[in-house]
Amino acid sequence: MFYQLSDTEIWFPKPELADEDGLLAVGGDLSAERLMLAYHNGIFPWYSDDTPILWYSPHQRFVLFPSKLKVSSSMRKVLKHGQFNITFDLAFSDVIQSCAHISREGEPGTWITSDMQKAYIILHKLGYAHSVEVWENDTLVGGLYGVIVNNVFCGESMFSKVSNASKAALTWLCKNKAFLIIDCQVHTNHIESLGAEFIPRSEYLDLLNAE
């Protein structure tokens, strides 16, 4: 069973009431207040242009503990030789637009709709959403963005235009920011190969609310 949200009243049902696939609620809006309430309760929006806003809270959360990040020898060489220049919060809008428009195998479109882009750019201006940028010869070639809640980085998406660029962004985030976990939300084989794993929602919420 999922819940229909009001367009005016900002609330969410308890995360444990989500369906088997994690779907918890439908509707509402992407206001900063609603989005941050969602993230503080382990809920995130995931939908496309041809559906209403869908809110998810998976029973098993896919996360990466920074200390468990697997860095290959080839990636170590890339970082050591300084192929990339990596920055933080320097070009948020460019990163989210690149994530939205990058071609992904097996995905005909994007879930990062124009409304999603506008909403997260507002979150960035309010200091909640952040980006990591990877540059090569002054050209943006990779990066990622997400929302910070306490000591958790809730990752939204990443992109890469050259080999290893998105891995460099994730590695930098794990090595240079003191997060308990990187929330990857939805399983991918690629992120699993880098060390991500499933943990119960209850454990995720404990980490999300840790002081």
N, C-alpha and C. Protein backbone atom coordinates (compact mmCIF):
# COMPACT_ATOMS: atom_id res chain seq x y z
N MET A 1 0.85 -1.20 0.00
CA MET A 1 0.00 0.00 0.00
C MET A 1 0.88 1.24 0.00
N PHE A 2 0.55 2.22 -0.86
CA PHE A 2 1.28 3.48 -0.81
C PHE A 2 0.29 4.60 -0.50
N TYR A 3 0.83 5.73 -0.10
CA TYR A 3 0.01 6.83 0.41
C TYR A 3 -0.02 7.99 -0.57
N GLN A 4 -1.15 8.64 -0.69
CA GLN A 4 -1.31 9.83 -1.52
C GLN A 4 -1.01 11.06 -0.69
N LEU A 5 -0.05 11.84 -1.14
CA LEU A 5 0.32 13.04 -0.40
C LEU A 5 -0.48 14.25 -0.85
N SER A 6 -0.69 15.17 0.06
CA SER A 6 -1.37 16.43 -0.24
C SER A 6 -0.40 17.38 -0.92
N ASP A 7 -0.93 18.24 -1.76
CA ASP A 7 -0.10 19.26 -2.41
C ASP A 7 0.24 20.41 -1.46
N THR A 8 -0.49 20.50 -0.37
CA THR A 8 -0.30 21.64 0.54
C THR A 8 0.24 21.22 1.90
N GLU A 9 -0.26 20.13 2.46
CA GLU A 9 0.20 19.67 3.76
C GLU A 9 1.47 18.83 3.60
N ILE A 10 2.53 19.18 4.32
CA ILE A 10 3.81 18.50 4.16
C ILE A 10 3.99 17.45 5.25
N TRP A 11 3.95 16.18 4.86
CA TRP A 11 4.10 15.06 5.79
C TRP A 11 4.47 13.81 5.00
N PHE A 12 4.93 12.79 5.72
CA PHE A 12 5.19 11.49 5.12
C PHE A 12 4.76 10.40 6.09
N PRO A 13 4.26 9.29 5.56
CA PRO A 13 3.98 8.14 6.43
C PRO A 13 5.29 7.54 6.94
N LYS A 14 5.19 6.66 7.91
CA LYS A 14 6.38 6.02 8.44
C LYS A 14 7.08 5.20 7.36
N PRO A 15 8.40 5.28 7.25
CA PRO A 15 9.12 4.59 6.19
C PRO A 15 8.87 3.08 6.14
N GLU A 16 8.66 2.46 7.30
CA GLU A 16 8.46 1.01 7.33
C GLU A 16 7.14 0.57 6.69
N LEU A 17 6.30 1.53 6.33
CA LEU A 17 5.04 1.21 5.65
C LEU A 17 5.19 1.10 4.14
N ALA A 18 6.40 1.25 3.64
CA ALA A 18 6.64 1.19 2.20
C ALA A 18 6.31 -0.20 1.65
N ASP A 19 5.94 -0.23 0.37
CA ASP A 19 5.71 -1.50 -0.32
C ASP A 19 6.99 -2.31 -0.38
N GLU A 20 6.87 -3.54 -0.88
CA GLU A 20 8.02 -4.43 -0.97
C GLU A 20 9.15 -3.82 -1.80
N ASP A 21 8.77 -3.08 -2.85
CA ASP A 21 9.80 -2.46 -3.71
C ASP A 21 10.28 -1.11 -3.18
N GLY A 22 9.78 -0.71 -2.03
CA GLY A 22 10.22 0.53 -1.41
C GLY A 22 9.33 1.73 -1.66
N LEU A 23 8.34 1.59 -2.54
CA LEU A 23 7.44 2.72 -2.81
C LEU A 23 6.61 3.02 -1.58
N LEU A 24 6.67 4.28 -1.14
CA LEU A 24 5.99 4.69 0.09
C LEU A 24 4.82 5.63 -0.17
N ALA A 25 5.01 6.60 -1.06
CA ALA A 25 3.98 7.62 -1.25
C ALA A 25 4.03 8.18 -2.67
N VAL A 26 2.93 8.82 -3.04
CA VAL A 26 2.79 9.41 -4.37
C VAL A 26 2.26 10.83 -4.22
N GLY A 27 2.79 11.73 -5.04
CA GLY A 27 2.23 13.09 -5.07
C GLY A 27 3.06 14.08 -4.28
N GLY A 28 2.39 15.15 -3.85
CA GLY A 28 3.10 16.22 -3.16
C GLY A 28 3.85 17.10 -4.14
N ASP A 29 4.92 17.71 -3.68
CA ASP A 29 5.71 18.59 -4.53
C ASP A 29 7.19 18.42 -4.20
N LEU A 30 8.03 19.22 -4.85
CA LEU A 30 9.48 19.14 -4.63
C LEU A 30 9.98 20.39 -3.92
N SER A 31 9.18 20.93 -3.03
CA SER A 31 9.62 22.09 -2.27
C SER A 31 10.79 21.69 -1.39
N ALA A 32 11.62 22.66 -1.05
CA ALA A 32 12.79 22.39 -0.21
C ALA A 32 12.37 21.81 1.14
N GLU A 33 11.30 22.33 1.70
CA GLU A 33 10.83 21.84 3.00
C GLU A 33 10.44 20.37 2.93
N ARG A 34 9.71 19.99 1.86
CA ARG A 34 9.27 18.60 1.74
C ARG A 34 10.46 17.68 1.45
N LEU A 35 11.36 18.12 0.57
CA LEU A 35 12.52 17.30 0.23
C LEU A 35 13.38 17.03 1.47
N MET A 36 13.63 18.05 2.27
CA MET A 36 14.48 17.85 3.43
C MET A 36 13.80 17.01 4.50
N LEU A 37 12.48 17.14 4.62
CA LEU A 37 11.75 16.26 5.53
C LEU A 37 11.89 14.81 5.07
N ALA A 38 11.81 14.61 3.75
CA ALA A 38 11.97 13.26 3.20
C ALA A 38 13.35 12.70 3.53
N TYR A 39 14.39 13.45 3.23
CA TYR A 39 15.75 12.96 3.44
C TYR A 39 16.04 12.67 4.91
N HIS A 40 15.51 13.49 5.79
CA HIS A 40 15.74 13.26 7.22
C HIS A 40 15.01 12.01 7.72
N ASN A 41 14.10 11.48 6.91
CA ASN A 41 13.38 10.26 7.28
C ASN A 41 13.73 9.08 6.38
N GLY A 42 14.82 9.21 5.64
CA GLY A 42 15.27 8.10 4.81
C GLY A 42 14.40 7.87 3.58
N ILE A 43 13.82 8.94 3.05
CA ILE A 43 12.92 8.86 1.90
C ILE A 43 13.49 9.71 0.77
N PHE A 44 13.34 9.28 -0.47
CA PHE A 44 13.83 10.08 -1.60
C PHE A 44 12.87 9.97 -2.78
N PRO A 45 12.82 11.01 -3.64
CA PRO A 45 11.96 10.97 -4.83
C PRO A 45 12.66 10.27 -5.98
N TRP A 46 11.88 9.51 -6.74
CA TRP A 46 12.45 8.80 -7.90
C TRP A 46 11.30 8.53 -8.87
N TYR A 47 11.28 9.26 -9.95
CA TYR A 47 10.16 9.14 -10.88
C TYR A 47 10.59 9.67 -12.24
N SER A 48 9.68 9.69 -13.20
CA SER A 48 9.99 10.20 -14.54
C SER A 48 8.93 11.20 -14.97
N ASP A 49 9.13 11.79 -16.14
CA ASP A 49 8.21 12.84 -16.61
C ASP A 49 6.78 12.35 -16.79
N ASP A 50 6.61 11.06 -17.07
CA ASP A 50 5.27 10.54 -17.36
C ASP A 50 4.60 9.90 -16.14
N THR A 51 5.13 10.16 -14.94
CA THR A 51 4.50 9.66 -13.71
C THR A 51 4.39 10.79 -12.71
N PRO A 52 3.52 10.63 -11.70
CA PRO A 52 3.52 11.61 -10.61
C PRO A 52 4.80 11.44 -9.79
N ILE A 53 5.03 12.33 -8.84
CA ILE A 53 6.20 12.21 -7.97
C ILE A 53 6.04 10.95 -7.12
N LEU A 54 7.05 10.09 -7.16
CA LEU A 54 7.05 8.85 -6.39
C LEU A 54 8.12 8.94 -5.31
N TRP A 55 7.77 8.54 -4.09
CA TRP A 55 8.68 8.63 -2.96
C TRP A 55 9.00 7.23 -2.46
N TYR A 56 10.29 6.95 -2.28
CA TYR A 56 10.75 5.61 -1.93
C TYR A 56 11.51 5.59 -0.61
N SER A 57 11.37 4.45 0.07
CA SER A 57 12.17 4.16 1.26
C SER A 57 12.42 2.65 1.26
N PRO A 58 13.48 2.20 0.57
CA PRO A 58 13.74 0.76 0.45
C PRO A 58 13.95 0.09 1.81
N HIS A 59 13.49 -1.15 1.91
CA HIS A 59 13.66 -1.90 3.17
C HIS A 59 15.13 -2.24 3.40
N GLN A 60 15.87 -2.46 2.32
CA GLN A 60 17.31 -2.67 2.37
C GLN A 60 17.97 -1.49 1.66
N ARG A 61 18.83 -0.77 2.37
CA ARG A 61 19.42 0.42 1.79
C ARG A 61 20.82 0.09 1.25
N PHE A 62 21.10 0.58 0.05
CA PHE A 62 22.38 0.33 -0.60
C PHE A 62 23.32 1.47 -0.28
N VAL A 63 24.38 1.18 0.48
CA VAL A 63 25.26 2.24 0.97
C VAL A 63 26.72 1.86 0.80
N LEU A 64 27.57 2.87 0.88
CA LEU A 64 29.01 2.66 0.82
C LEU A 64 29.63 3.27 2.07
N PHE A 65 30.31 2.43 2.85
CA PHE A 65 31.09 2.94 3.98
C PHE A 65 32.42 3.41 3.41
N PRO A 66 32.78 4.68 3.60
CA PRO A 66 34.01 5.21 2.99
C PRO A 66 35.24 4.36 3.23
N SER A 67 35.34 3.76 4.42
CA SER A 67 36.53 2.95 4.72
C SER A 67 36.57 1.66 3.91
N LYS A 68 35.43 1.27 3.32
CA LYS A 68 35.36 0.03 2.56
C LYS A 68 35.45 0.27 1.05
N LEU A 69 35.69 1.51 0.64
CA LEU A 69 35.80 1.81 -0.78
C LEU A 69 36.96 1.01 -1.40
N LYS A 70 36.68 0.36 -2.51
CA LYS A 70 37.70 -0.41 -3.22
C LYS A 70 38.31 0.46 -4.32
N VAL A 71 39.58 0.80 -4.15
CA VAL A 71 40.27 1.63 -5.12
C VAL A 71 41.26 0.75 -5.87
N SER A 72 41.05 0.59 -7.17
CA SER A 72 41.91 -0.27 -7.98
C SER A 72 43.29 0.35 -8.14
N SER A 73 44.25 -0.48 -8.52
CA SER A 73 45.62 0.02 -8.74
C SER A 73 45.65 1.03 -9.87
N SER A 74 44.82 0.81 -10.91
CA SER A 74 44.77 1.76 -12.02
C SER A 74 44.19 3.09 -11.58
N MET A 75 43.20 3.05 -10.68
CA MET A 75 42.62 4.29 -10.16
C MET A 75 43.64 5.02 -9.29
N ARG A 76 44.41 4.29 -8.52
CA ARG A 76 45.44 4.91 -7.70
C ARG A 76 46.46 5.65 -8.57
N LYS A 77 46.80 5.05 -9.70
CA LYS A 77 47.76 5.68 -10.60
C LYS A 77 47.18 6.96 -11.19
N VAL A 78 45.89 6.92 -11.56
CA VAL A 78 45.24 8.10 -12.12
C VAL A 78 45.29 9.25 -11.12
N LEU A 79 44.96 8.95 -9.87
CA LEU A 79 44.94 9.98 -8.84
C LEU A 79 46.35 10.48 -8.52
N LYS A 80 47.30 9.56 -8.49
CA LYS A 80 48.68 9.93 -8.17
C LYS A 80 49.30 10.83 -9.24
N HIS A 81 48.99 10.55 -10.49
CA HIS A 81 49.59 11.30 -11.60
C HIS A 81 48.89 12.62 -11.89
N GLY A 82 47.80 12.90 -11.15
CA GLY A 82 47.16 14.20 -11.28
C GLY A 82 46.45 14.44 -12.60
N GLN A 83 45.85 13.37 -13.18
CA GLN A 83 45.12 13.54 -14.43
C GLN A 83 43.95 14.50 -14.26
N PHE A 84 43.33 14.46 -13.07
CA PHE A 84 42.14 15.26 -12.82
C PHE A 84 42.39 16.32 -11.75
N ASN A 85 41.65 17.41 -11.88
CA ASN A 85 41.54 18.41 -10.82
C ASN A 85 40.14 18.28 -10.25
N ILE A 86 40.04 18.09 -8.95
CA ILE A 86 38.74 17.83 -8.33
C ILE A 86 38.36 18.98 -7.40
N THR A 87 37.12 19.45 -7.53
CA THR A 87 36.62 20.56 -6.73
C THR A 87 35.30 20.17 -6.07
N PHE A 88 34.89 21.00 -5.12
CA PHE A 88 33.65 20.76 -4.38
C PHE A 88 32.77 22.00 -4.45
N ASP A 89 31.52 21.81 -4.90
CA ASP A 89 30.54 22.90 -4.96
C ASP A 89 30.95 24.05 -5.87
N LEU A 90 31.72 23.76 -6.88
CA LEU A 90 32.15 24.83 -7.79
C LEU A 90 31.21 25.00 -8.97
N ALA A 91 30.52 23.91 -9.38
CA ALA A 91 29.67 23.98 -10.58
C ALA A 91 28.48 23.02 -10.43
N PHE A 92 27.69 23.26 -9.38
CA PHE A 92 26.58 22.35 -9.08
C PHE A 92 25.62 22.21 -10.25
N SER A 93 25.17 23.33 -10.81
CA SER A 93 24.20 23.29 -11.91
C SER A 93 24.73 22.50 -13.10
N ASP A 94 26.00 22.68 -13.41
CA ASP A 94 26.60 21.95 -14.53
C ASP A 94 26.63 20.45 -14.26
N VAL A 95 26.89 20.08 -13.01
CA VAL A 95 26.95 18.66 -12.66
C VAL A 95 25.58 18.01 -12.78
N ILE A 96 24.55 18.64 -12.22
CA ILE A 96 23.23 18.02 -12.26
C ILE A 96 22.70 17.96 -13.70
N GLN A 97 23.00 18.96 -14.50
CA GLN A 97 22.59 18.91 -15.90
C GLN A 97 23.33 17.82 -16.66
N SER A 98 24.59 17.63 -16.36
CA SER A 98 25.36 16.57 -17.01
C SER A 98 24.84 15.20 -16.59
N CYS A 99 24.49 15.04 -15.33
CA CYS A 99 23.92 13.78 -14.85
C CYS A 99 22.60 13.48 -15.56
N ALA A 100 21.83 14.53 -15.81
CA ALA A 100 20.53 14.35 -16.46
C ALA A 100 20.66 13.97 -17.92
N HIS A 101 21.69 14.48 -18.59
CA HIS A 101 21.77 14.33 -20.04
C HIS A 101 22.74 13.25 -20.51
N ILE A 102 23.54 12.71 -19.59
CA ILE A 102 24.51 11.69 -20.00
C ILE A 102 23.77 10.42 -20.42
N SER A 103 24.24 9.78 -21.46
CA SER A 103 23.63 8.54 -21.95
C SER A 103 24.05 7.39 -21.05
N ARG A 104 23.07 6.57 -20.62
CA ARG A 104 23.35 5.43 -19.75
C ARG A 104 22.84 4.15 -20.41
N GLU A 105 23.65 3.14 -20.38
CA GLU A 105 23.29 1.87 -21.01
C GLU A 105 22.05 1.29 -20.36
N GLY A 106 21.05 0.93 -21.18
CA GLY A 106 19.83 0.32 -20.69
C GLY A 106 18.80 1.30 -20.17
N GLU A 107 19.10 2.61 -20.23
CA GLU A 107 18.16 3.63 -19.77
C GLU A 107 17.85 4.58 -20.91
N PRO A 108 16.61 4.51 -21.45
CA PRO A 108 16.26 5.34 -22.59
C PRO A 108 16.10 6.82 -22.27
N GLY A 109 15.82 7.13 -21.01
CA GLY A 109 15.60 8.53 -20.64
C GLY A 109 16.28 8.84 -19.32
N THR A 110 15.76 9.85 -18.63
CA THR A 110 16.35 10.23 -17.35
C THR A 110 15.25 10.44 -16.31
N TRP A 111 15.58 10.12 -15.06
CA TRP A 111 14.65 10.42 -13.97
C TRP A 111 14.95 11.81 -13.40
N ILE A 112 16.04 12.44 -13.84
CA ILE A 112 16.36 13.77 -13.35
C ILE A 112 15.64 14.78 -14.24
N THR A 113 14.36 14.95 -14.00
CA THR A 113 13.52 15.82 -14.81
C THR A 113 13.91 17.28 -14.61
N SER A 114 13.36 18.13 -15.44
CA SER A 114 13.66 19.57 -15.31
C SER A 114 13.20 20.10 -13.96
N ASP A 115 12.06 19.59 -13.46
CA ASP A 115 11.59 20.01 -12.14
C ASP A 115 12.54 19.54 -11.05
N MET A 116 13.08 18.32 -11.20
CA MET A 116 14.05 17.83 -10.23
C MET A 116 15.30 18.70 -10.23
N GLN A 117 15.75 19.07 -11.41
CA GLN A 117 16.95 19.91 -11.50
C GLN A 117 16.72 21.24 -10.79
N LYS A 118 15.58 21.86 -11.05
CA LYS A 118 15.28 23.15 -10.41
C LYS A 118 15.22 23.01 -8.90
N ALA A 119 14.60 21.92 -8.43
CA ALA A 119 14.44 21.72 -6.99
C ALA A 119 15.78 21.54 -6.29
N TYR A 120 16.69 20.78 -6.91
CA TYR A 120 17.97 20.51 -6.26
C TYR A 120 18.92 21.70 -6.39
N ILE A 121 18.76 22.49 -7.42
CA ILE A 121 19.55 23.73 -7.50
C ILE A 121 19.14 24.67 -6.36
N ILE A 122 17.85 24.69 -6.03
CA ILE A 122 17.39 25.48 -4.88
C ILE A 122 17.99 24.92 -3.59
N LEU A 123 17.99 23.58 -3.45
CA LEU A 123 18.59 22.96 -2.26
C LEU A 123 20.07 23.32 -2.15
N HIS A 124 20.74 23.39 -3.29
CA HIS A 124 22.15 23.76 -3.28
C HIS A 124 22.32 25.20 -2.79
N LYS A 125 21.49 26.10 -3.28
CA LYS A 125 21.58 27.49 -2.87
C LYS A 125 21.28 27.66 -1.37
N LEU A 126 20.47 26.74 -0.83
CA LEU A 126 20.14 26.78 0.59
C LEU A 126 21.20 26.08 1.45
N GLY A 127 22.18 25.44 0.79
CA GLY A 127 23.27 24.80 1.51
C GLY A 127 23.05 23.34 1.85
N TYR A 128 22.03 22.71 1.26
CA TYR A 128 21.74 21.30 1.55
C TYR A 128 22.30 20.34 0.50
N ALA A 129 22.27 20.72 -0.75
CA ALA A 129 22.76 19.87 -1.83
C ALA A 129 24.15 20.30 -2.26
N HIS A 130 24.98 19.32 -2.61
CA HIS A 130 26.39 19.61 -2.90
C HIS A 130 26.88 18.76 -4.07
N SER A 131 27.97 19.21 -4.67
CA SER A 131 28.51 18.51 -5.83
C SER A 131 30.01 18.35 -5.74
N VAL A 132 30.50 17.33 -6.39
CA VAL A 132 31.93 17.13 -6.60
C VAL A 132 32.16 17.21 -8.10
N GLU A 133 33.11 18.02 -8.53
CA GLU A 133 33.39 18.20 -9.95
C GLU A 133 34.77 17.64 -10.30
N VAL A 134 34.85 16.97 -11.43
CA VAL A 134 36.13 16.43 -11.91
C VAL A 134 36.45 17.12 -13.24
N TRP A 135 37.63 17.75 -13.27
CA TRP A 135 38.04 18.54 -14.42
C TRP A 135 39.27 17.92 -15.09
N GLU A 136 39.32 18.01 -16.39
CA GLU A 136 40.50 17.62 -17.15
C GLU A 136 40.78 18.73 -18.16
N ASN A 137 41.92 19.38 -17.98
CA ASN A 137 42.26 20.51 -18.85
C ASN A 137 41.15 21.57 -18.86
N ASP A 138 40.65 21.89 -17.68
CA ASP A 138 39.60 22.91 -17.49
C ASP A 138 38.26 22.53 -18.09
N THR A 139 38.07 21.27 -18.46
CA THR A 139 36.79 20.78 -18.97
C THR A 139 36.15 19.86 -17.93
N LEU A 140 34.86 20.08 -17.66
CA LEU A 140 34.15 19.23 -16.71
C LEU A 140 33.91 17.86 -17.34
N VAL A 141 34.53 16.83 -16.79
CA VAL A 141 34.45 15.50 -17.41
C VAL A 141 33.77 14.47 -16.51
N GLY A 142 33.43 14.85 -15.30
CA GLY A 142 32.77 13.92 -14.41
C GLY A 142 32.35 14.60 -13.12
N GLY A 143 31.57 13.89 -12.33
CA GLY A 143 31.15 14.46 -11.06
C GLY A 143 29.97 13.72 -10.46
N LEU A 144 29.54 14.20 -9.33
CA LEU A 144 28.39 13.63 -8.65
C LEU A 144 27.74 14.72 -7.80
N TYR A 145 26.49 14.47 -7.40
CA TYR A 145 25.82 15.42 -6.50
C TYR A 145 24.92 14.66 -5.54
N GLY A 146 24.58 15.31 -4.44
CA GLY A 146 23.71 14.69 -3.46
C GLY A 146 23.35 15.67 -2.37
N VAL A 147 22.68 15.15 -1.35
CA VAL A 147 22.19 15.97 -0.24
C VAL A 147 22.86 15.49 1.04
N ILE A 148 23.34 16.43 1.84
CA ILE A 148 23.97 16.08 3.11
C ILE A 148 22.94 16.18 4.23
N VAL A 149 22.79 15.07 4.98
CA VAL A 149 21.95 15.04 6.17
C VAL A 149 22.81 14.57 7.33
N ASN A 150 23.07 15.45 8.27
CA ASN A 150 23.96 15.15 9.40
C ASN A 150 25.30 14.65 8.87
N ASN A 151 25.66 13.38 9.14
CA ASN A 151 26.95 12.85 8.70
C ASN A 151 26.80 11.85 7.55
N VAL A 152 25.73 11.98 6.79
CA VAL A 152 25.45 11.08 5.67
C VAL A 152 25.37 11.89 4.38
N PHE A 153 26.05 11.41 3.35
CA PHE A 153 25.92 12.02 2.02
C PHE A 153 24.95 11.16 1.23
N CYS A 154 23.77 11.71 0.94
CA CYS A 154 22.75 11.01 0.19
C CYS A 154 23.00 11.23 -1.30
N GLY A 155 23.70 10.32 -1.92
CA GLY A 155 24.06 10.47 -3.32
C GLY A 155 22.87 10.36 -4.24
N GLU A 156 22.79 11.26 -5.20
CA GLU A 156 21.68 11.26 -6.15
C GLU A 156 22.09 10.71 -7.51
N SER A 157 23.18 11.18 -8.06
CA SER A 157 23.60 10.71 -9.38
C SER A 157 25.05 11.09 -9.62
N MET A 158 25.66 10.40 -10.60
CA MET A 158 27.02 10.71 -10.99
C MET A 158 27.14 10.55 -12.50
N PHE A 159 28.16 11.16 -13.06
CA PHE A 159 28.35 11.04 -14.50
C PHE A 159 29.83 11.02 -14.83
N SER A 160 30.14 10.51 -16.01
CA SER A 160 31.52 10.43 -16.45
C SER A 160 31.57 10.56 -17.96
N LYS A 161 32.40 11.48 -18.44
CA LYS A 161 32.58 11.65 -19.88
C LYS A 161 33.89 11.06 -20.35
N VAL A 162 34.78 10.77 -19.42
CA VAL A 162 36.04 10.08 -19.73
C VAL A 162 36.24 8.99 -18.70
N SER A 163 37.03 8.01 -19.03
CA SER A 163 37.26 6.87 -18.14
C SER A 163 37.76 7.31 -16.77
N ASN A 164 37.15 6.73 -15.74
CA ASN A 164 37.55 6.92 -14.33
C ASN A 164 37.12 8.23 -13.70
N ALA A 165 36.44 9.12 -14.45
CA ALA A 165 36.10 10.43 -13.88
C ALA A 165 35.12 10.33 -12.72
N SER A 166 34.06 9.52 -12.86
CA SER A 166 33.08 9.41 -11.77
C SER A 166 33.69 8.67 -10.58
N LYS A 167 34.55 7.68 -10.86
CA LYS A 167 35.24 6.98 -9.77
C LYS A 167 36.13 7.94 -9.00
N ALA A 168 36.77 8.85 -9.73
CA ALA A 168 37.63 9.84 -9.08
C ALA A 168 36.81 10.74 -8.15
N ALA A 169 35.61 11.11 -8.59
CA ALA A 169 34.73 11.95 -7.76
C ALA A 169 34.33 11.22 -6.48
N LEU A 170 33.94 9.95 -6.62
CA LEU A 170 33.52 9.17 -5.46
C LEU A 170 34.69 8.92 -4.51
N THR A 171 35.84 8.61 -5.08
CA THR A 171 37.02 8.39 -4.24
C THR A 171 37.39 9.65 -3.47
N TRP A 172 37.35 10.79 -4.15
CA TRP A 172 37.64 12.06 -3.48
C TRP A 172 36.67 12.31 -2.34
N LEU A 173 35.39 12.04 -2.58
CA LEU A 173 34.37 12.26 -1.55
C LEU A 173 34.64 11.40 -0.33
N CYS A 174 34.99 10.14 -0.56
CA CYS A 174 35.25 9.22 0.55
C CYS A 174 36.50 9.60 1.33
N LYS A 175 37.50 10.12 0.63
CA LYS A 175 38.79 10.41 1.26
C LYS A 175 38.86 11.79 1.89
N ASN A 176 38.04 12.73 1.41
CA ASN A 176 38.20 14.12 1.83
C ASN A 176 37.06 14.68 2.67
N LYS A 177 35.97 13.94 2.81
CA LYS A 177 34.86 14.39 3.63
C LYS A 177 34.53 13.32 4.67
N ALA A 178 34.25 13.75 5.89
CA ALA A 178 34.08 12.81 7.01
C ALA A 178 32.63 12.33 7.13
N PHE A 179 32.17 11.55 6.17
CA PHE A 179 30.82 11.00 6.22
C PHE A 179 30.83 9.59 6.81
N LEU A 180 29.78 9.26 7.56
CA LEU A 180 29.65 7.90 8.07
C LEU A 180 29.40 6.93 6.92
N ILE A 181 28.53 7.33 6.01
CA ILE A 181 28.22 6.50 4.84
C ILE A 181 27.90 7.41 3.66
N ILE A 182 28.05 6.83 2.48
CA ILE A 182 27.54 7.42 1.25
C ILE A 182 26.29 6.62 0.89
N ASP A 183 25.14 7.25 0.91
CA ASP A 183 23.88 6.57 0.57
C ASP A 183 23.77 6.50 -0.95
N CYS A 184 23.79 5.28 -1.49
CA CYS A 184 23.71 5.09 -2.94
C CYS A 184 22.28 4.82 -3.40
N GLN A 185 21.36 4.66 -2.45
CA GLN A 185 19.92 4.51 -2.70
C GLN A 185 19.56 3.25 -3.47
N VAL A 186 19.93 3.21 -4.76
CA VAL A 186 19.50 2.10 -5.63
C VAL A 186 20.71 1.29 -6.08
N HIS A 187 20.59 -0.01 -6.05
CA HIS A 187 21.70 -0.90 -6.39
C HIS A 187 22.13 -0.79 -7.85
N THR A 188 23.42 -0.74 -8.07
CA THR A 188 24.00 -0.92 -9.40
C THR A 188 25.22 -1.82 -9.24
N ASN A 189 25.49 -2.61 -10.26
CA ASN A 189 26.65 -3.48 -10.21
C ASN A 189 27.95 -2.68 -10.11
N HIS A 190 27.95 -1.51 -10.78
CA HIS A 190 29.14 -0.67 -10.78
C HIS A 190 29.49 -0.21 -9.37
N ILE A 191 28.50 0.31 -8.65
CA ILE A 191 28.77 0.80 -7.30
C ILE A 191 29.07 -0.36 -6.35
N GLU A 192 28.44 -1.51 -6.58
CA GLU A 192 28.74 -2.68 -5.75
C GLU A 192 30.21 -3.10 -5.92
N SER A 193 30.71 -2.98 -7.14
CA SER A 193 32.11 -3.36 -7.40
C SER A 193 33.08 -2.44 -6.67
N LEU A 194 32.60 -1.26 -6.28
CA LEU A 194 33.44 -0.31 -5.56
C LEU A 194 33.35 -0.47 -4.05
N GLY A 195 32.51 -1.43 -3.60
CA GLY A 195 32.44 -1.73 -2.18
C GLY A 195 31.12 -1.46 -1.50
N ALA A 196 30.12 -1.00 -2.23
CA ALA A 196 28.82 -0.72 -1.61
C ALA A 196 28.12 -2.01 -1.21
N GLU A 197 27.23 -1.92 -0.24
CA GLU A 197 26.54 -3.09 0.29
C GLU A 197 25.15 -2.70 0.78
N PHE A 198 24.33 -3.70 1.03
CA PHE A 198 23.00 -3.47 1.57
C PHE A 198 23.04 -3.53 3.09
N ILE A 199 22.30 -2.60 3.72
CA ILE A 199 22.09 -2.66 5.16
C ILE A 199 20.59 -2.47 5.42
N PRO A 200 20.06 -2.96 6.54
CA PRO A 200 18.64 -2.77 6.84
C PRO A 200 18.29 -1.30 6.98
N ARG A 201 17.06 -0.96 6.65
CA ARG A 201 16.62 0.42 6.80
C ARG A 201 16.83 0.93 8.22
N SER A 202 16.56 0.09 9.21
CA SER A 202 16.70 0.51 10.61
C SER A 202 18.14 0.95 10.91
N GLU A 203 19.12 0.21 10.38
CA GLU A 203 20.52 0.59 10.58
C GLU A 203 20.83 1.89 9.84
N TYR A 204 20.27 2.02 8.64
CA TYR A 204 20.48 3.25 7.88
C TYR A 204 19.93 4.45 8.63
N LEU A 205 18.74 4.34 9.19
CA LEU A 205 18.14 5.46 9.90
C LEU A 205 18.95 5.80 11.16
N ASP A 206 19.51 4.78 11.82
CA ASP A 206 20.35 5.04 12.99
C ASP A 206 21.57 5.86 12.58
N LEU A 207 22.19 5.50 11.45
CA LEU A 207 23.35 6.23 10.97
C LEU A 207 22.97 7.64 10.52
N LEU A 208 21.79 7.75 9.92
CA LEU A 208 21.32 9.05 9.43
C LEU A 208 21.11 10.02 10.59
N ASN A 209 20.69 9.50 11.71
CA ASN A 209 20.38 10.36 12.87
C ASN A 209 21.47 10.37 13.92
N ALA A 210 22.62 9.77 13.61
CA ALA A 210 23.71 9.73 14.59
C ALA A 210 24.27 11.13 14.81
N GLU A 211 24.61 11.41 16.03
CA GLU A 211 25.20 12.72 16.38
C GLU A 211 26.67 12.77 15.97
